[in-house]
Amino acid sequence: MTSDKPSLPPSPDAVNDPAAEPLFRALITPHRSLGQSAFRLVMTLMCVATFVSSVPFMLAGAWPVAGFFGLDLLAIYLAFRVNFSRARSFEEVVLSRIELLLRKVGHRGDRREWRFNPAWTRLERVCDEDFGLQRLTVVSRGESVSVGNVLSADEKADFADAFSAALATAKRG
């Protein structure tokens, strides 16, 4: 749930106010199991496999087949690039005694932000008996914001437990 993505520094007023100190902070990023070096290795192996597979067709005179192999390789490359682009998105959740800040930043840099009073905020959970925790929603005065959609069911449960405990602490004052 944590990452080294930058977040905005607290305002000078918030640094001096003990009520504004974060009780809970989470940075939620999409999981990506393939890094850049592994991507290069996979693409290199795919290029070699495509070349080796297309040589017999070219020798048999069916050269258009090699072009279709190349299109498949291009499609795989583009799919990986889109995947890596989407990995730049993240959600930031910061809870203090006086404010809950939810910030969602998309892969294109578009930013959406919600601020709630913790005293009027609750976390709703949608569970499935077969698949576990499916959705988390922060609700405050009729407004709801889904949070942690990129997390697995177990990660959502861990996040929900930690966030609920911090929210209860914030409500106690």
Foldseek 3Di string as FASTA:
>chain_A
DDDPDDDDDDDPVLVPDQQSPFLDKDKFFFDDPADPVNVVVVLVVLVVVLVVVQVVCVVVVNNVVSVVSVVVSVVVVVVVVVVVLQRCWIWMWTDGLAWTKIWTAGSVGDIDIDIDGLLQKDWDWDADPVQATQWIWIDGPHDIDTPDNSDGRVVVVVVNVSVRVSSVVSNVD
